[in-house]
C-alpha atoms as a PDB file:
ATOM      1  CA  UNK A   1      85.538   0.431-161.841  1.00  0.00           C
ATOM      2  CA  UNK A   2      88.279   2.951-162.255  1.00  0.00           C
ATOM      3  CA  UNK A   3      90.459   2.856-165.839  1.00  0.00           C
ATOM      4  CA  UNK A   4      93.397   1.312-164.124  1.00  0.00           C
ATOM      5  CA  UNK A   5      91.437  -1.574-163.029  1.00  0.00           C
ATOM      6  CA  UNK A   6      89.586  -1.584-166.403  1.00  0.00           C
ATOM      7  CA  UNK A   7      93.020  -1.733-167.648  1.00  0.00           C
ATOM      8  CA  UNK A   8      94.281  -4.735-165.535  1.00  0.00           C
ATOM      9  CA  UNK A   9      91.200  -6.714-166.429  1.00  0.00           C
ATOM     10  CA  UNK A  10      91.416  -6.369-170.141  1.00  0.00           C
ATOM     11  CA  UNK A  11      95.697  -7.038-169.723  1.00  0.00           C
ATOM     12  CA  UNK A  12      95.019 -10.184-167.719  1.00  0.00           C
ATOM     13  CA  UNK A  13      92.018 -10.986-170.367  1.00  0.00           C
ATOM     14  CA  UNK A  14      94.813 -11.272-173.398  1.00  0.00           C
ATOM     15  CA  UNK A  15      96.954 -13.170-170.835  1.00  0.00           C
ATOM     16  CA  UNK A  16      99.688 -10.047-169.999  1.00  0.00           C
ATOM     17  CA  UNK A  17     100.323 -10.184-167.131  1.00  0.00           C
ATOM     18  CA  UNK A  18     102.996 -11.728-164.951  1.00  0.00           C
ATOM     19  CA  UNK A  19     102.014 -14.868-162.885  1.00  0.00           C
ATOM     20  CA  UNK A  20     101.493 -13.287-159.091  1.00  0.00           C
ATOM     21  CA  UNK A  21      99.378 -10.245-160.911  1.00  0.00           C
ATOM     22  CA  UNK A  22      97.433 -12.672-162.464  1.00  0.00           C
ATOM     23  CA  UNK A  23      96.703 -14.561-159.542  1.00  0.00           C
ATOM     24  CA  UNK A  24      96.041 -11.678-157.928  1.00  0.00           C
ATOM     25  CA  UNK A  25      93.072 -10.154-160.455  1.00  0.00           C
ATOM     26  CA  UNK A  26      92.206 -13.815-160.903  1.00  0.00           C
ATOM     27  CA  UNK A  27      90.964 -13.624-157.215  1.00  0.00           C
ATOM     28  CA  UNK A  28      89.676  -9.883-157.779  1.00  0.00           C
ATOM     29  CA  UNK A  29      87.282 -11.467-160.415  1.00  0.00           C
ATOM     30  CA  UNK A  30      85.984 -14.392-158.561  1.00  0.00           C
ATOM     31  CA  UNK A  31      84.838 -11.851-155.644  1.00  0.00           C
ATOM     32  CA  UNK A  32      84.197  -9.323-157.432  1.00  0.00           C
ATOM     33  CA  UNK A  33      80.614  -9.080-160.055  1.00  0.00           C
ATOM     34  CA  UNK A  34      81.138  -6.102-162.061  1.00  0.00           C
ATOM     35  CA  UNK A  35      84.406  -7.202-162.587  1.00  0.00           C
ATOM     36  CA  UNK A  36      83.095 -10.426-164.499  1.00  0.00           C
ATOM     37  CA  UNK A  37      80.682  -8.944-166.343  1.00  0.00           C
ATOM     38  CA  UNK A  38      83.338  -6.422-167.575  1.00  0.00           C
ATOM     39  CA  UNK A  39      85.478  -9.762-168.383  1.00  0.00           C
ATOM     40  CA  UNK A  40      82.779 -11.760-169.798  1.00  0.00           C
ATOM     41  CA  UNK A  41      82.574  -8.914-172.501  1.00  0.00           C
ATOM     42  CA  UNK A  42      86.170  -8.866-173.209  1.00  0.00           C
ATOM     43  CA  UNK A  43      85.966 -12.492-173.611  1.00  0.00           C
ATOM     44  CA  UNK A  44      82.932 -12.198-176.271  1.00  0.00           C
ATOM     45  CA  UNK A  45      84.628  -9.494-177.963  1.00  0.00           C
ATOM     46  CA  UNK A  46      88.353 -10.916-178.032  1.00  0.00           C
ATOM     47  CA  UNK A  47      86.278 -14.041-179.645  1.00  0.00           C
ATOM     48  CA  UNK A  48      84.467 -12.329-182.278  1.00  0.00           C
ATOM     49  CA  UNK A  49      87.771 -10.185-182.930  1.00  0.00           C
ATOM     50  CA  UNK A  50      90.043 -13.030-183.654  1.00  0.00           C
ATOM     51  CA  UNK A  51      87.284 -15.374-184.958  1.00  0.00           C
ATOM     52  CA  UNK A  52      85.950 -12.736-187.866  1.00  0.00           C
ATOM     53  CA  UNK A  53      89.260 -11.169-188.655  1.00  0.00           C
ATOM     54  CA  UNK A  54      90.110 -11.588-192.065  1.00  0.00           C
ATOM     55  CA  UNK A  55      93.411 -12.677-193.239  1.00  0.00           C
ATOM     56  CA  UNK A  56      95.310 -10.404-195.747  1.00  0.00           C
ATOM     57  CA  UNK A  57      98.311 -12.064-198.156  1.00  0.00           C
ATOM     58  CA  UNK A  58     100.710 -10.250-199.038  1.00  0.00           C
ATOM     59  CA  UNK A  59     102.138  -9.972-201.922  1.00  0.00           C
ATOM     60  CA  UNK A  60     105.588 -10.528-200.543  1.00  0.00           C
ATOM     61  CA  UNK A  61     107.053 -12.838-198.333  1.00  0.00           C
ATOM     62  CA  UNK A  62     106.373 -11.805-194.273  1.00  0.00           C
ATOM     63  CA  UNK A  63     110.295 -10.983-194.141  1.00  0.00           C
ATOM     64  CA  UNK A  64     110.781  -8.991-197.017  1.00  0.00           C
ATOM     65  CA  UNK A  65     107.600  -7.197-196.626  1.00  0.00           C
ATOM     66  CA  UNK A  66     108.654  -5.512-193.149  1.00  0.00           C
ATOM     67  CA  UNK A  67     112.224  -5.132-194.455  1.00  0.00           C
ATOM     68  CA  UNK A  68     110.768  -2.375-196.800  1.00  0.00           C
ATOM     69  CA  UNK A  69     109.088  -0.874-194.409  1.00  0.00           C
ATOM     70  CA  UNK A  70     112.162  -1.007-192.492  1.00  0.00           C
ATOM     71  CA  UNK A  71     114.797   0.332-195.063  1.00  0.00           C
ATOM     72  CA  UNK A  72     112.206   2.859-196.045  1.00  0.00           C
ATOM     73  CA  UNK A  73     112.237   3.842-192.332  1.00  0.00           C
ATOM     74  CA  UNK A  74     115.979   4.128-192.122  1.00  0.00           C
ATOM     75  CA  UNK A  75     116.088   6.089-195.367  1.00  0.00           C
ATOM     76  CA  UNK A  76     113.939   8.915-194.037  1.00  0.00           C
ATOM     77  CA  UNK A  77     115.226   9.228-190.560  1.00  0.00           C
ATOM     78  CA  UNK A  78     118.454  11.012-191.593  1.00  0.00           C
ATOM     79  CA  UNK A  79     116.761  13.540-192.816  1.00  0.00           C
ATOM     80  CA  UNK A  80     114.745  14.458-189.965  1.00  0.00           C
ATOM     81  CA  UNK A  81     117.343  13.641-187.700  1.00  0.00           C
ATOM     82  CA  UNK A  82     119.703  16.433-189.800  1.00  0.00           C
ATOM     83  CA  UNK A  83     116.687  18.727-189.257  1.00  0.00           C
ATOM     84  CA  UNK A  84     115.798  19.201-192.967  1.00  0.00           C
ATOM     85  CA  UNK A  85     112.633  20.705-193.131  1.00  0.00           C
ATOM     86  CA  UNK A  86     110.283  18.543-195.384  1.00  0.00           C
ATOM     87  CA  UNK A  87     109.101  19.955-198.217  1.00  0.00           C
ATOM     88  CA  UNK A  88     106.245  22.055-198.272  1.00  0.00           C
ATOM     89  CA  UNK A  89     103.408  22.419-201.954  1.00  0.00           C
ATOM     90  CA  UNK A  90     103.079  26.277-202.130  1.00  0.00           C
ATOM     91  CA  UNK A  91      99.255  26.486-201.654  1.00  0.00           C
ATOM     92  CA  UNK A  92      99.735  24.522-198.422  1.00  0.00           C
ATOM     93  CA  UNK A  93     102.607  27.961-197.018  1.00  0.00           C
ATOM     94  CA  UNK A  94     100.456  30.008-198.327  1.00  0.00           C
ATOM     95  CA  UNK A  95      97.116  28.955-196.334  1.00  0.00           C
ATOM     96  CA  UNK A  96      98.541  30.114-193.524  1.00  0.00           C
ATOM     97  CA  UNK A  97      98.670  33.547-194.823  1.00  0.00           C
ATOM     98  CA  UNK A  98      95.035  33.054-197.038  1.00  0.00           C
ATOM     99  CA  UNK A  99      92.672  31.688-194.574  1.00  0.00           C
ATOM    100  CA  UNK A 100      93.519  34.730-191.736  1.00  0.00           C
ATOM    101  CA  UNK A 101      93.021  37.174-194.693  1.00  0.00           C
ATOM    102  CA  UNK A 102      90.038  35.893-196.172  1.00  0.00           C
ATOM    103  CA  UNK A 103      88.590  35.710-192.809  1.00  0.00           C
ATOM    104  CA  UNK A 104      89.255  39.533-192.839  1.00  0.00           C
ATOM    105  CA  UNK A 105      87.861  40.429-196.450  1.00  0.00           C
ATOM    106  CA  UNK A 106      84.906  38.888-195.213  1.00  0.00           C
ATOM    107  CA  UNK A 107      84.305  40.883-192.017  1.00  0.00           C
ATOM    108  CA  UNK A 108      84.937  43.997-194.367  1.00  0.00           C
ATOM    109  CA  UNK A 109      83.329  43.164-196.807  1.00  0.00           C
ATOM    110  CA  UNK A 110      80.312  42.487-194.462  1.00  0.00           C
ATOM    111  CA  UNK A 111      80.601  46.046-192.600  1.00  0.00           C
ATOM    112  CA  UNK A 112      80.701  48.103-195.456  1.00  0.00           C
ATOM    113  CA  UNK A 113      77.326  45.793-197.145  1.00  0.00           C
ATOM    114  CA  UNK A 114      75.722  46.425-193.700  1.00  0.00           C
ATOM    115  CA  UNK A 115      76.711  50.161-193.433  1.00  0.00           C
ATOM    116  CA  UNK A 116      75.497  50.759-196.805  1.00  0.00           C
ATOM    117  CA  UNK A 117      71.583  49.545-196.019  1.00  0.00           C
ATOM    118  CA  UNK A 118      71.406  50.824-192.957  1.00  0.00           C
ATOM    119  CA  UNK A 119      72.785  54.857-194.675  1.00  0.00           C
ATOM    120  CA  UNK A 120      69.738  53.505-197.711  1.00  0.00           C
ATOM    121  CA  UNK A 121      67.590  52.958-195.067  1.00  0.00           C
ATOM    122  CA  UNK A 122      67.493  56.029-193.022  1.00  0.00           C
ATOM    123  CA  UNK A 123      67.653  58.019-196.504  1.00  0.00           C
ATOM    124  CA  UNK A 124      64.361  56.609-198.488  1.00  0.00           C
ATOM    125  CA  UNK A 125      63.149  54.003-196.278  1.00  0.00           C
ATOM    126  CA  UNK A 126      60.297  53.815-198.716  1.00  0.00           C
ATOM    127  CA  UNK A 127      61.266  54.031-201.931  1.00  0.00           C
ATOM    128  CA  UNK A 128      59.943  50.461-202.801  1.00  0.00           C
ATOM    129  CA  UNK A 129      56.387  51.076-202.063  1.00  0.00           C
ATOM    130  CA  UNK A 130      55.670  53.835-204.662  1.00  0.00           C
ATOM    131  CA  UNK A 131      54.162  51.684-207.311  1.00  0.00           C
ATOM    132  CA  UNK A 132      50.755  50.538-206.440  1.00  0.00           C
ATOM    133  CA  UNK A 133      48.987  47.954-209.081  1.00  0.00           C
ATOM    134  CA  UNK A 134      45.515  46.907-209.111  1.00  0.00           C
ATOM    135  CA  UNK A 135      44.072  44.046-210.371  1.00  0.00           C
ATOM    136  CA  UNK A 136      40.551  44.535-210.190  1.00  0.00           C
ATOM    137  CA  UNK A 137      38.378  46.652-212.506  1.00  0.00           C
ATOM    138  CA  UNK A 138      35.781  47.143-209.443  1.00  0.00           C
ATOM    139  CA  UNK A 139      38.427  48.777-206.996  1.00  0.00           C
ATOM    140  CA  UNK A 140      39.389  51.949-207.449  1.00  0.00           C
ATOM    141  CA  UNK A 141      42.649  53.664-205.464  1.00  0.00           C
ATOM    142  CA  UNK A 142      43.981  56.997-204.361  1.00  0.00           C
ATOM    143  CA  UNK A 143      47.997  56.534-202.668  1.00  0.00           C
ATOM    144  CA  UNK A 144      49.588  59.306-201.090  1.00  0.00           C
ATOM    145  CA  UNK A 145      53.306  59.871-199.992  1.00  0.00           C
ATOM    146  CA  UNK A 146      55.048  62.226-197.763  1.00  0.00           C
ATOM    147  CA  UNK A 147      58.634  62.623-197.457  1.00  0.00           C
ATOM    148  CA  UNK A 148      58.543  64.558-194.633  1.00  0.00           C
ATOM    149  CA  UNK A 149      56.958  62.368-192.751  1.00  0.00           C
ATOM    150  CA  UNK A 150      58.320  58.821-194.499  1.00  0.00           C
ATOM    151  CA  UNK A 151      55.066  57.452-194.650  1.00  0.00           C
ATOM    152  CA  UNK A 152      52.900  56.395-197.581  1.00  0.00           C
ATOM    153  CA  UNK A 153      49.017  55.622-197.036  1.00  0.00           C
ATOM    154  CA  UNK A 154      46.534  54.168-199.925  1.00  0.00           C
ATOM    155  CA  UNK A 155      43.318  54.647-199.763  1.00  0.00           C
ATOM    156  CA  UNK A 156      40.609  51.455-201.283  1.00  0.00           C
ATOM    157  CA  UNK A 157      37.468  52.163-202.732  1.00  0.00           C
ATOM    158  CA  UNK A 158      34.519  50.172-204.239  1.00  0.00           C
ATOM    159  CA  UNK A 159      33.993  51.947-207.975  1.00  0.00           C
ATOM    160  CA  UNK A 160      30.376  50.707-208.344  1.00  0.00           C
ATOM    161  CA  UNK A 161      29.532  52.378-204.886  1.00  0.00           C
ATOM    162  CA  UNK A 162      28.286  56.108-205.339  1.00  0.00           C
ATOM    163  CA  UNK A 163      30.051  58.462-204.520  1.00  0.00           C
ATOM    164  CA  UNK A 164      29.161  61.111-201.793  1.00  0.00           C
ATOM    165  CA  UNK A 165      28.527  63.890-202.643  1.00  0.00           C
ATOM    166  CA  UNK A 166      29.857  67.420-201.760  1.00  0.00           C
ATOM    167  CA  UNK A 167      26.533  68.278-199.794  1.00  0.00           C
ATOM    168  CA  UNK A 168      26.861  66.241-197.324  1.00  0.00           C
ATOM    169  CA  UNK A 169      29.897  67.620-196.545  1.00  0.00           C
ATOM    170  CA  UNK A 170      28.353  71.591-196.439  1.00  0.00           C
ATOM    171  CA  UNK A 171      28.723  73.149-192.620  1.00  0.00           C
ATOM    172  CA  UNK A 172      25.429  72.914-190.560  1.00  0.00           C
ATOM    173  CA  UNK A 173      24.016  75.791-190.113  1.00  0.00           C
ATOM    174  CA  UNK A 174      23.942  75.190-186.394  1.00  0.00           C
ATOM    175  CA  UNK A 175      24.937  77.386-183.857  1.00  0.00           C
ATOM    176  CA  UNK A 176      28.672  76.491-182.355  1.00  0.00           C
ATOM    177  CA  UNK A 177      28.269  76.405-178.308  1.00  0.00           C
ATOM    178  CA  UNK A 178      31.630  77.978-176.926  1.00  0.00           C
END
Protein backbone atom coordinates (compact mmCIF):
# COMPACT_ATOMS: atom_id res chain seq x y z
CA UNK A 1 0.00 0.00 0.00
CA UNK A 2 1.25 3.43 -0.80
CA UNK A 3 1.16 6.47 1.41
CA UNK A 4 -1.89 7.99 -0.29
CA UNK A 5 -3.96 4.84 0.32
CA UNK A 6 -2.88 4.78 3.98
CA UNK A 7 -3.95 8.41 4.40
CA UNK A 8 -7.32 7.66 2.79
CA UNK A 9 -7.83 4.72 5.16
CA UNK A 10 -7.01 6.94 8.14
CA UNK A 11 -9.45 9.62 6.92
CA UNK A 12 -12.12 6.91 6.47
CA UNK A 13 -11.59 5.61 10.03
CA UNK A 14 -11.80 9.18 11.37
CA UNK A 15 -15.02 9.82 9.41
CA UNK A 16 -13.58 12.69 7.38
CA UNK A 17 -14.55 11.48 3.87
CA UNK A 18 -17.66 12.34 1.83
CA UNK A 19 -20.29 9.58 1.50
CA UNK A 20 -19.41 8.48 -2.03
CA UNK A 21 -15.67 8.23 -1.32
CA UNK A 22 -16.35 6.56 2.05
CA UNK A 23 -18.37 3.83 0.26
CA UNK A 24 -15.53 3.29 -2.22
CA UNK A 25 -12.98 2.96 0.62
CA UNK A 26 -15.32 0.62 2.54
CA UNK A 27 -15.51 -1.64 -0.52
CA UNK A 28 -11.70 -1.52 -0.88
CA UNK A 29 -11.28 -2.50 2.79
CA UNK A 30 -13.78 -5.35 2.38
CA UNK A 31 -11.80 -6.86 -0.54
CA UNK A 32 -8.22 -6.18 0.59
CA UNK A 33 -6.83 -8.10 3.64
CA UNK A 34 -3.89 -5.66 4.06
CA UNK A 35 -6.33 -2.76 4.22
CA UNK A 36 -8.43 -4.67 6.79
CA UNK A 37 -5.36 -5.12 8.98
CA UNK A 38 -4.42 -1.42 8.72
CA UNK A 39 -7.99 -0.37 9.52
CA UNK A 40 -8.15 -2.64 12.58
CA UNK A 41 -4.84 -1.21 13.86
CA UNK A 42 -6.06 2.35 13.25
CA UNK A 43 -9.34 1.68 15.09
CA UNK A 44 -7.48 0.09 18.01
CA UNK A 45 -5.09 3.05 18.20
CA UNK A 46 -7.97 5.50 18.04
CA UNK A 47 -9.79 3.70 20.88
CA UNK A 48 -6.63 3.71 23.04
CA UNK A 49 -6.07 7.40 22.45
CA UNK A 50 -9.66 8.50 23.06
CA UNK A 51 -10.10 6.24 26.09
CA UNK A 52 -6.86 7.21 27.79
CA UNK A 53 -6.52 10.87 26.91
CA UNK A 54 -6.37 12.88 30.11
CA UNK A 55 -8.60 15.89 30.42
CA UNK A 56 -6.83 19.00 31.57
CA UNK A 57 -9.21 21.51 33.13
CA UNK A 58 -8.56 25.12 32.20
CA UNK A 59 -8.28 27.67 35.00
CA UNK A 60 -10.58 29.96 33.02
CA UNK A 61 -13.61 29.49 30.81
CA UNK A 62 -12.83 27.86 27.46
CA UNK A 63 -13.93 30.87 25.37
CA UNK A 64 -11.92 33.29 27.53
CA UNK A 65 -8.79 31.11 27.24
CA UNK A 66 -8.94 30.90 23.44
CA UNK A 67 -9.89 34.57 23.14
CA UNK A 68 -6.76 35.46 25.12
CA UNK A 69 -4.62 33.43 22.71
CA UNK A 70 -6.32 35.05 19.72
CA UNK A 71 -5.70 38.58 21.11
CA UNK A 72 -1.99 37.79 21.61
CA UNK A 73 -1.71 36.53 18.03
CA UNK A 74 -3.46 39.63 16.70
CA UNK A 75 -1.18 41.86 18.78
CA UNK A 76 1.96 40.22 17.33
CA UNK A 77 0.77 40.08 13.70
CA UNK A 78 1.17 43.82 12.93
CA UNK A 79 4.80 43.75 14.10
CA UNK A 80 5.58 40.80 11.84
CA UNK A 81 3.61 42.27 8.91
CA UNK A 82 5.39 45.65 9.23
CA UNK A 83 8.74 43.91 8.93
CA UNK A 84 10.05 44.84 12.35
CA UNK A 85 12.91 42.52 13.20
CA UNK A 86 12.49 40.53 16.33
CA UNK A 87 14.69 41.56 19.24
CA UNK A 88 17.64 39.18 19.36
CA UNK A 89 19.85 38.99 22.44
CA UNK A 90 23.46 40.12 21.89
CA UNK A 91 24.94 36.68 22.63
CA UNK A 92 22.72 35.08 19.97
CA UNK A 93 23.85 37.66 17.42
CA UNK A 94 27.54 37.19 18.27
CA UNK A 95 27.19 33.40 18.22
CA UNK A 96 26.87 33.61 14.45
CA UNK A 97 30.43 35.01 14.29
CA UNK A 98 32.00 33.25 17.25
CA UNK A 99 31.12 29.69 16.21
CA UNK A 100 33.19 29.75 12.98
CA UNK A 101 35.97 31.73 14.68
CA UNK A 102 36.25 29.19 17.48
CA UNK A 103 36.52 26.39 14.91
CA UNK A 104 39.23 28.32 13.08
CA UNK A 105 41.09 28.93 16.36
CA UNK A 106 40.92 25.22 17.19
CA UNK A 107 42.36 24.31 13.78
CA UNK A 108 45.18 26.85 14.19
CA UNK A 109 45.98 25.59 17.70
CA UNK A 110 46.10 21.96 16.56
CA UNK A 111 48.32 22.91 13.60
CA UNK A 112 50.82 24.74 15.81
CA UNK A 113 50.78 21.91 18.34
CA UNK A 114 51.37 19.25 15.69
CA UNK A 115 54.18 21.25 14.07
CA UNK A 116 55.85 21.64 17.45
CA UNK A 117 55.59 17.92 18.15
CA UNK A 118 57.01 16.95 14.76
CA UNK A 119 59.79 19.50 15.03
CA UNK A 120 60.72 18.24 18.48
CA UNK A 121 60.65 14.64 17.25
CA UNK A 122 63.23 15.38 14.57
CA UNK A 123 65.65 17.08 16.96
CA UNK A 124 65.80 14.91 20.04
CA UNK A 125 63.56 11.87 19.87
CA UNK A 126 65.47 9.84 22.51
CA UNK A 127 65.77 12.57 25.12
CA UNK A 128 63.24 10.87 27.40
CA UNK A 129 65.22 7.58 27.34
CA UNK A 130 68.41 8.92 28.94
CA UNK A 131 67.51 8.04 32.52
CA UNK A 132 67.81 4.37 33.47
CA UNK A 133 66.73 3.26 36.90
CA UNK A 134 67.80 -0.10 38.28
CA UNK A 135 65.84 -1.30 41.29
CA UNK A 136 67.59 -4.64 41.66
CA UNK A 137 70.83 -4.93 43.59
CA UNK A 138 71.82 -8.07 41.69
CA UNK A 139 71.58 -6.60 38.19
CA UNK A 140 73.88 -3.95 36.81
CA UNK A 141 73.49 -1.86 33.69
CA UNK A 142 75.67 -0.05 31.22
CA UNK A 143 74.10 2.51 28.90
CA UNK A 144 75.27 4.07 25.68
CA UNK A 145 73.64 6.95 23.79
CA UNK A 146 74.63 7.98 20.28
CA UNK A 147 73.23 11.32 19.10
CA UNK A 148 74.52 10.89 15.56
CA UNK A 149 72.91 7.45 15.15
CA UNK A 150 69.84 8.46 17.17
CA UNK A 151 69.91 5.37 19.38
CA UNK A 152 70.18 4.42 23.03
CA UNK A 153 71.46 1.04 24.25
CA UNK A 154 71.19 -0.43 27.75
CA UNK A 155 73.22 -3.56 28.59
CA UNK A 156 72.02 -5.49 31.67
CA UNK A 157 74.27 -8.02 33.43
CA UNK A 158 74.24 -10.14 36.57
CA UNK A 159 76.52 -8.66 39.25
CA UNK A 160 76.94 -11.98 41.07
CA UNK A 161 78.33 -13.79 38.03
CA UNK A 162 82.10 -13.84 37.64
CA UNK A 163 83.22 -11.51 34.95
CA UNK A 164 85.30 -12.80 32.14
CA UNK A 165 88.93 -11.98 32.39
CA UNK A 166 90.92 -10.21 29.76
CA UNK A 167 92.82 -13.43 29.11
CA UNK A 168 89.75 -14.85 27.38
CA UNK A 169 89.94 -12.06 24.86
CA UNK A 170 93.69 -12.32 24.09
CA UNK A 171 94.53 -13.11 20.47
CA UNK A 172 95.52 -16.65 19.76
CA UNK A 173 98.83 -17.27 17.99
CA UNK A 174 97.32 -19.23 15.18
CA UNK A 175 98.14 -18.53 11.58
CA UNK A 176 95.59 -16.49 9.74
CA UNK A 177 94.45 -18.08 6.54
CA UNK A 178 94.25 -15.70 3.65
